[in-house]
Amino acid sequence: MFPQNSNDPNRPDRVEELGTYEMIWDCKFCGNKNLPAKTHKFCPTCGAAQDPQSRRFPSDEEKIAVKEHVSKGASLICPACGTPNDGDSQFCMQCGAPLDQAARAKTVGSEVRAENQSFAAGQERDLAQERLAEDLPKAPVTAGKPNPLIFIIGAIVLLLICGGIILALTAKRDATATVVGHDWQRIIYVDRFTSVRDNAWDDQVPADAYSVSCSERQRSSRQVPDGEECAVRRVDNGDGTFSERRECNTVYRDEPVYDDYCSFTVNRWVPDREIQSSSAQAAAPFWPSADLTSGSSLGAERENRRSESYIVLLDVDGQRYECAVNQSAWQEAEEGRTFNISIGVITNAPDCSALEQ
């Protein structure tokens, strides 16, 4: 048994080599079948050289073990007589031709079966018919071929449509706007120091928590080994033999992981209320009075932040618009003053930048 490289996710967790066996081949001249491919380089009936392309896997009942097999690589096919030779040969054993330019035999790949199944013999091949099909001229494939002109026209139409939509959405009209009013609002956000009930895992409970109560519950899960799933694979070595091995992958199951989940109380500053002032109270902006309870005990208050907004009300041909501006522009936009602004043709939204220039 050989451990596999755990860095390769496609390799099995464990491999057990089961042995090396002979491929079988069929003589295309006399019809002799199921000849051992390692032992018989020539047909024992008619003497024809083995055609490596006719090699196939035997069934489990037919396979013949090869003892002390040493791989020399895929067979070298003599370019002169077609005889298969050992992968390290320099000259053909049949005709003596040099093999420095010889091609190597093609393999039939591999097959896999479950452990409780058996391998059947590989399917016989009609090599003559396959070679004839390879030699026939291939007709050019035109049916269903897309016309690039259609894609070009489609792309142009799509660009025109998108461009038209963008132009429509960004189109604007010029208008004269008159200031008819003002709105403003100022807000003070107040936090309160108070007790807060919260929940967390035991290792995440704050150090200043109190009134802590915990109970066990599932926090996560982990995968633990739970046996193996194995299959048998046989691989064509290309030299008239195939290797058979048992490949196993670990099966995992989910196991729950438990931890203490706690409920507790902590004292924290939390958002509590807002204090507002607005144009409904006065024409001039002012900050509201914040009468806060100071200190660091429960019930204490503190100012968190402030915000303010200023709105100029505009009239354009009887239609009302609002523009949010900074305080300086808001003060300078006196009632009755006019501005040249742009209004979206589709969105009907005013461009308020002219008020802040």
Protein backbone atom coordinates (compact mmCIF):
# COMPACT_ATOMS: atom_id res chain seq x y z
CA MET A 1 0.00 0.00 0.00
CA PHE A 2 1.33 3.40 -0.99
CA PRO A 3 0.22 6.74 0.51
CA GLN A 4 -0.67 9.33 -2.09
CA ASN A 5 0.24 12.99 -2.44
CA SER A 6 -2.35 14.80 -0.32
CA ASN A 7 -1.70 18.04 -2.23
CA ASP A 8 -3.37 16.60 -5.35
CA PRO A 9 -7.18 16.55 -4.81
CA ASN A 10 -7.68 14.23 -7.80
CA ARG A 11 -5.55 11.41 -6.44
CA PRO A 12 -7.04 8.74 -4.15
CA ASP A 13 -6.14 8.69 -0.46
CA ARG A 14 -4.65 5.21 -0.70
CA VAL A 15 -3.53 2.95 -3.55
CA GLU A 16 -2.79 -0.75 -3.42
CA GLU A 17 -1.02 -2.28 -6.43
CA LEU A 18 -2.71 -5.57 -7.36
CA GLY A 19 -0.45 -6.73 -10.19
CA THR A 20 0.45 -6.52 -13.87
CA TYR A 21 -1.37 -8.53 -16.52
CA GLU A 22 -1.30 -9.09 -20.28
CA MET A 23 -3.52 -7.18 -22.66
CA ILE A 24 -5.15 -9.23 -25.43
CA TRP A 25 -5.18 -8.61 -29.19
CA ASP A 26 -6.92 -9.94 -32.29
CA CYS A 27 -5.19 -10.95 -35.53
CA LYS A 28 -6.75 -9.00 -38.39
CA PHE A 29 -5.48 -11.49 -40.98
CA CYS A 30 -6.65 -14.89 -39.78
CA GLY A 31 -9.17 -13.86 -37.17
CA ASN A 32 -7.35 -15.43 -34.22
CA LYS A 33 -8.66 -13.67 -31.09
CA ASN A 34 -7.73 -12.99 -27.48
CA LEU A 35 -3.98 -13.45 -27.99
CA PRO A 36 -1.75 -12.42 -25.02
CA ALA A 37 -0.23 -9.11 -26.11
CA LYS A 38 2.98 -9.35 -24.07
CA THR A 39 3.75 -12.98 -24.92
CA HIS A 40 2.63 -13.07 -28.56
CA LYS A 41 4.15 -10.28 -30.67
CA PHE A 42 3.17 -12.41 -33.70
CA CYS A 43 0.07 -14.46 -34.41
CA PRO A 44 0.81 -18.14 -33.62
CA THR A 45 -1.55 -19.21 -36.42
CA CYS A 46 -0.50 -17.08 -39.42
CA GLY A 47 2.64 -15.31 -38.16
CA ALA A 48 1.30 -11.78 -38.73
CA ALA A 49 2.79 -9.03 -36.53
CA GLN A 50 0.65 -7.78 -33.70
CA ASP A 51 -1.23 -4.55 -34.39
CA PRO A 52 -1.02 -2.54 -31.13
CA GLN A 53 -4.24 -0.75 -32.05
CA SER A 54 -6.12 -4.02 -31.64
CA ARG A 55 -5.06 -4.39 -28.01
CA ARG A 56 -7.85 -4.45 -25.45
CA PHE A 57 -8.43 -5.39 -21.84
CA PRO A 58 -9.29 -9.03 -21.09
CA SER A 59 -12.08 -10.09 -18.77
CA ASP A 60 -11.20 -11.00 -15.18
CA GLU A 61 -11.48 -14.67 -16.12
CA GLU A 62 -9.07 -14.31 -19.08
CA LYS A 63 -6.32 -12.15 -17.59
CA ILE A 64 -2.81 -13.59 -17.35
CA ALA A 65 -0.39 -12.28 -14.72
CA VAL A 66 3.03 -10.92 -15.75
CA LYS A 67 5.61 -11.68 -13.08
CA GLU A 68 8.46 -9.29 -12.26
CA HIS A 69 7.37 -6.89 -14.97
CA VAL A 70 9.73 -3.97 -15.70
CA SER A 71 8.18 -1.18 -17.73
CA LYS A 72 10.22 0.10 -20.67
CA GLY A 73 7.56 2.50 -21.87
CA ALA A 74 4.96 2.07 -24.61
CA SER A 75 5.87 -0.16 -27.54
CA LEU A 76 7.79 1.34 -30.45
CA ILE A 77 6.03 0.64 -33.76
CA CYS A 78 8.48 -0.13 -36.55
CA PRO A 79 7.89 2.39 -39.37
CA ALA A 80 9.02 -0.20 -41.92
CA CYS A 81 7.07 -3.37 -41.05
CA GLY A 82 4.69 -2.29 -38.29
CA THR A 83 6.00 -4.74 -35.69
CA PRO A 84 5.70 -3.63 -32.04
CA ASN A 85 9.03 -3.56 -30.18
CA ASP A 86 10.06 -3.01 -26.57
CA GLY A 87 10.02 0.64 -25.56
CA ASP A 88 13.84 0.80 -25.25
CA SER A 89 14.65 -0.99 -28.54
CA GLN A 90 16.93 0.69 -31.07
CA PHE A 91 16.25 -1.64 -34.02
CA CYS A 92 13.21 -3.64 -35.07
CA MET A 93 13.35 -7.25 -33.94
CA GLN A 94 11.53 -8.32 -37.13
CA CYS A 95 13.19 -6.40 -39.96
CA GLY A 96 16.13 -4.64 -38.30
CA ALA A 97 15.01 -1.12 -39.24
CA PRO A 98 16.17 1.68 -36.92
CA LEU A 99 13.54 2.87 -34.41
CA ASP A 100 14.84 6.36 -33.66
CA GLN A 101 11.86 7.86 -35.53
CA ALA A 102 9.33 5.22 -34.46
CA ALA A 103 6.01 6.24 -32.95
CA ARG A 104 4.88 4.74 -29.67
CA ALA A 105 1.76 2.63 -29.40
CA LYS A 106 -1.42 4.41 -28.38
CA THR A 107 -3.05 3.20 -25.18
CA VAL A 108 -6.72 2.54 -24.53
CA GLY A 109 -6.63 4.51 -21.29
CA SER A 110 -8.11 3.02 -18.14
CA GLU A 111 -11.23 1.36 -16.78
CA VAL A 112 -12.72 1.42 -13.29
CA ARG A 113 -15.13 -0.92 -11.52
CA ALA A 114 -16.56 -1.19 -8.04
CA GLU A 115 -15.02 -3.79 -5.74
CA ASN A 116 -18.08 -6.03 -5.92
CA GLN A 117 -18.12 -6.08 -9.75
CA SER A 118 -16.06 -7.81 -12.43
CA PHE A 119 -14.30 -6.52 -15.51
CA ALA A 120 -15.57 -7.65 -18.89
CA ALA A 121 -13.32 -7.95 -21.92
CA GLY A 122 -12.79 -4.83 -23.99
CA GLN A 123 -14.90 -4.43 -27.09
CA GLU A 124 -13.44 -5.75 -30.35
CA ARG A 125 -12.51 -3.09 -32.90
CA ASP A 126 -12.88 -3.07 -36.68
CA LEU A 127 -9.53 -1.41 -37.41
CA ALA A 128 -9.97 -1.56 -41.18
CA GLN A 129 -13.25 0.32 -40.95
CA GLU A 130 -11.74 2.87 -38.54
CA ARG A 131 -8.78 3.52 -40.87
CA LEU A 132 -11.11 3.85 -43.86
CA ALA A 133 -13.18 6.42 -42.00
CA GLU A 134 -9.99 8.35 -41.12
CA ASP A 135 -8.85 8.39 -44.78
CA LEU A 136 -12.17 9.66 -46.17
CA PRO A 137 -12.11 13.42 -46.91
CA LYS A 138 -13.94 15.42 -44.32
CA ALA A 139 -16.79 17.55 -45.67
CA PRO A 140 -16.68 21.12 -44.43
CA VAL A 141 -19.17 21.71 -41.65
CA THR A 142 -21.38 24.62 -42.61
CA ALA A 143 -24.74 23.76 -41.08
CA GLY A 144 -25.43 25.84 -38.03
CA LYS A 145 -22.28 27.93 -38.46
CA PRO A 146 -23.03 31.40 -37.06
CA ASN A 147 -22.75 34.33 -39.41
CA PRO A 148 -20.39 36.90 -37.87
CA LEU A 149 -22.28 39.69 -39.65
CA ILE A 150 -25.34 38.91 -37.52
CA PHE A 151 -23.29 39.38 -34.33
CA ILE A 152 -21.86 42.66 -35.62
CA ILE A 153 -25.28 44.02 -36.52
CA GLY A 154 -26.69 42.84 -33.20
CA ALA A 155 -23.87 44.52 -31.29
CA ILE A 156 -24.43 47.80 -33.17
CA VAL A 157 -28.17 47.71 -32.48
CA LEU A 158 -27.53 46.97 -28.80
CA LEU A 159 -25.07 49.86 -28.55
CA LEU A 160 -27.56 52.21 -30.19
CA ILE A 161 -30.33 51.14 -27.81
CA CYS A 162 -28.09 51.49 -24.73
CA GLY A 163 -26.80 54.83 -25.97
CA GLY A 164 -30.36 56.05 -26.53
CA ILE A 165 -31.39 55.02 -23.03
CA ILE A 166 -28.37 56.76 -21.50
CA LEU A 167 -29.01 59.93 -23.50
CA ALA A 168 -32.69 59.89 -22.48
CA LEU A 169 -31.85 59.44 -18.80
CA THR A 170 -29.21 62.18 -18.82
CA ALA A 171 -31.05 64.66 -21.05
CA LYS A 172 -31.79 67.96 -19.31
CA ARG A 173 -33.75 71.12 -20.02
CA ASP A 174 -32.84 74.62 -18.90
CA ALA A 175 -35.23 76.45 -16.59
CA THR A 176 -35.48 79.56 -14.42
CA ALA A 177 -36.20 78.77 -10.78
CA THR A 178 -37.50 81.24 -8.18
CA VAL A 179 -36.83 80.79 -4.46
CA VAL A 180 -40.19 80.56 -2.66
CA GLY A 181 -39.20 79.25 0.78
CA HIS A 182 -36.76 77.56 3.12
CA ASP A 183 -36.71 74.50 5.38
CA TRP A 184 -34.09 73.46 7.92
CA GLN A 185 -33.58 70.81 10.57
CA ARG A 186 -31.00 70.18 13.28
CA ILE A 187 -30.73 66.98 15.35
CA ILE A 188 -28.71 66.00 18.42
CA TYR A 189 -28.39 62.23 18.92
CA VAL A 190 -28.20 61.13 22.55
CA ASP A 191 -26.86 57.87 24.01
CA ARG A 192 -27.86 56.36 27.35
CA PHE A 193 -25.71 54.20 29.64
CA THR A 194 -27.92 51.21 30.39
CA SER A 195 -27.97 47.48 31.02
CA VAL A 196 -28.24 45.34 27.90
CA ARG A 197 -29.13 41.65 27.70
CA ASP A 198 -27.09 39.78 25.11
CA ASN A 199 -26.00 36.29 24.02
CA ALA A 200 -22.65 34.81 22.94
CA TRP A 201 -20.55 31.68 23.05
CA ASP A 202 -18.69 31.14 26.30
CA ASP A 203 -15.32 32.25 24.88
CA GLN A 204 -16.90 35.45 23.52
CA VAL A 205 -18.62 36.64 26.72
CA PRO A 206 -17.26 40.12 27.69
CA ALA A 207 -15.14 40.31 30.84
CA ASP A 208 -17.54 42.83 32.47
CA ALA A 209 -20.63 40.68 31.90
CA TYR A 210 -22.80 39.70 34.89
CA SER A 211 -25.91 37.60 35.49
CA VAL A 212 -24.41 34.98 33.19
CA SER A 213 -26.30 31.75 32.47
CA CYS A 214 -25.10 29.12 30.00
CA SER A 215 -26.40 25.94 28.40
CA GLU A 216 -24.82 23.48 25.99
CA ARG A 217 -25.75 23.54 22.31
CA GLN A 218 -24.21 22.57 18.97
CA ARG A 219 -21.77 25.22 17.80
CA SER A 220 -20.41 23.57 14.67
CA SER A 221 -19.56 20.20 13.19
CA ARG A 222 -16.40 18.45 12.17
CA GLN A 223 -15.69 15.69 9.68
CA VAL A 224 -14.32 12.46 11.09
CA PRO A 225 -13.16 9.40 9.12
CA ASP A 226 -15.85 6.76 8.76
CA GLY A 227 -14.38 3.98 6.61
CA GLU A 228 -13.38 3.86 2.96
CA GLU A 229 -14.88 3.60 -0.49
CA CYS A 230 -12.71 1.58 -2.88
CA ALA A 231 -12.67 0.77 -6.58
CA VAL A 232 -10.41 -1.23 -8.87
CA ARG A 233 -8.72 0.49 -11.80
CA ARG A 234 -6.73 -1.04 -14.65
CA VAL A 235 -4.44 1.09 -16.80
CA ASP A 236 -2.99 0.23 -20.21
CA ASN A 237 0.82 0.51 -19.97
CA GLY A 238 1.19 0.64 -23.77
CA ASP A 239 3.65 -2.29 -23.87
CA GLY A 240 1.15 -5.14 -24.09
CA THR A 241 0.46 -5.12 -20.34
CA PHE A 242 -1.86 -3.31 -17.97
CA SER A 243 -1.54 -2.51 -14.29
CA GLU A 244 -4.35 -3.18 -11.87
CA ARG A 245 -4.68 -1.33 -8.59
CA ARG A 246 -7.12 -0.75 -5.80
CA GLU A 247 -7.91 2.92 -5.16
CA CYS A 248 -9.51 3.95 -1.88
CA ASN A 249 -10.85 7.26 -0.61
CA THR A 250 -11.70 7.99 3.00
CA VAL A 251 -15.39 8.47 3.76
CA TYR A 252 -16.21 11.15 6.32
CA ARG A 253 -19.24 11.82 8.47
CA ASP A 254 -20.28 14.98 10.26
CA GLU A 255 -19.86 14.92 14.02
CA PRO A 256 -21.46 17.73 16.07
CA VAL A 257 -19.25 19.97 18.19
CA TYR A 258 -20.88 21.29 21.36
CA ASP A 259 -20.08 24.37 23.44
CA ASP A 260 -21.66 26.56 26.11
CA TYR A 261 -23.94 29.30 24.79
CA CYS A 262 -24.49 32.05 27.33
CA SER A 263 -27.00 34.75 28.11
CA PHE A 264 -25.65 37.71 30.09
CA THR A 265 -26.05 41.37 31.00
CA VAL A 266 -23.56 44.17 30.28
CA ASN A 267 -23.67 47.91 30.83
CA ARG A 268 -23.24 49.79 27.54
CA TRP A 269 -23.81 53.14 25.88
CA VAL A 270 -26.68 52.67 23.40
CA PRO A 271 -28.56 55.11 21.12
CA ASP A 272 -31.54 56.37 23.09
CA ARG A 273 -33.22 59.50 21.71
CA GLU A 274 -33.05 62.44 19.29
CA ILE A 275 -33.52 66.11 20.13
CA GLN A 276 -34.73 68.10 17.12
CA SER A 277 -35.29 71.68 16.04
CA SER A 278 -36.68 72.74 12.65
CA SER A 279 -38.12 75.53 10.53
CA ALA A 280 -41.50 74.71 12.05
CA GLN A 281 -40.18 76.32 15.26
CA ALA A 282 -38.30 79.31 13.91
CA ALA A 283 -37.15 80.86 10.63
CA ALA A 284 -33.52 81.07 11.77
CA PRO A 285 -31.68 77.80 12.51
CA PHE A 286 -30.76 77.07 16.14
CA TRP A 287 -29.53 74.04 18.06
CA PRO A 288 -32.06 72.55 20.46
CA SER A 289 -31.32 72.49 24.16
CA ALA A 290 -29.88 69.15 25.35
CA ASP A 291 -30.50 68.76 29.05
CA LEU A 292 -28.49 65.57 29.62
CA THR A 293 -28.04 63.48 32.76
CA SER A 294 -24.29 63.40 33.23
CA GLY A 295 -22.18 60.79 34.97
CA SER A 296 -21.02 57.21 34.44
CA SER A 297 -23.69 55.27 36.32
CA LEU A 298 -26.72 53.57 34.81
CA GLY A 299 -29.12 56.15 33.34
CA ALA A 300 -26.37 58.63 32.42
CA GLU A 301 -26.58 60.38 29.04
CA ARG A 302 -24.07 61.69 26.52
CA GLU A 303 -24.20 63.46 23.18
CA ASN A 304 -23.27 61.11 20.35
CA ARG A 305 -23.31 63.35 17.23
CA ARG A 306 -25.13 66.19 15.50
CA SER A 307 -26.60 66.57 12.04
CA GLU A 308 -28.15 69.45 10.11
CA SER A 309 -29.91 69.84 6.76
CA TYR A 310 -30.94 72.89 4.72
CA ILE A 311 -33.56 72.87 1.96
CA VAL A 312 -34.28 75.64 -0.55
CA LEU A 313 -37.80 75.54 -2.04
CA LEU A 314 -37.96 76.49 -5.74
CA ASP A 315 -40.77 77.22 -8.16
CA VAL A 316 -40.43 76.51 -11.88
CA ASP A 317 -43.51 77.40 -13.92
CA GLY A 318 -45.79 76.50 -11.03
CA GLN A 319 -44.05 73.25 -10.12
CA ARG A 320 -42.35 72.93 -6.73
CA TYR A 321 -38.80 71.56 -6.37
CA GLU A 322 -36.49 71.07 -3.38
CA CYS A 323 -32.72 71.53 -3.29
CA ALA A 324 -30.54 70.37 -0.40
CA VAL A 325 -27.63 72.81 -0.03
CA ASN A 326 -25.03 73.89 2.53
CA GLN A 327 -25.88 76.51 5.14
CA SER A 328 -24.06 79.32 3.33
CA ALA A 329 -25.95 78.76 0.06
CA TRP A 330 -29.20 78.39 2.03
CA GLN A 331 -28.69 81.81 3.65
CA GLU A 332 -27.83 83.51 0.37
CA ALA A 333 -30.85 82.08 -1.47
CA GLU A 334 -33.27 84.80 -0.42
CA GLU A 335 -36.95 84.51 -1.32
CA GLY A 336 -37.66 85.95 -4.74
CA ARG A 337 -34.14 85.32 -6.04
CA THR A 338 -33.93 83.45 -9.35
CA PHE A 339 -31.46 80.83 -10.54
CA ASN A 340 -30.81 79.24 -13.92
CA ILE A 341 -30.93 75.48 -13.31
CA SER A 342 -31.21 72.27 -15.31
CA ILE A 343 -34.00 69.72 -14.83
CA GLY A 344 -33.90 66.12 -16.02
CA VAL A 345 -36.23 65.50 -18.96
CA ILE A 346 -37.02 61.95 -17.82
CA THR A 347 -36.19 62.09 -14.09
CA ASN A 348 -37.61 65.58 -13.50
CA ALA A 349 -34.83 66.03 -10.91
CA PRO A 350 -33.30 69.51 -10.55
CA ASP A 351 -29.54 70.13 -10.75
CA CYS A 352 -29.00 72.10 -7.56
CA SER A 353 -25.32 72.88 -8.07
CA ALA A 354 -26.15 76.35 -9.43
CA LEU A 355 -27.35 77.39 -5.95
CA GLU A 356 -23.94 76.69 -4.39
CA GLN A 357 -21.80 78.49 -6.97
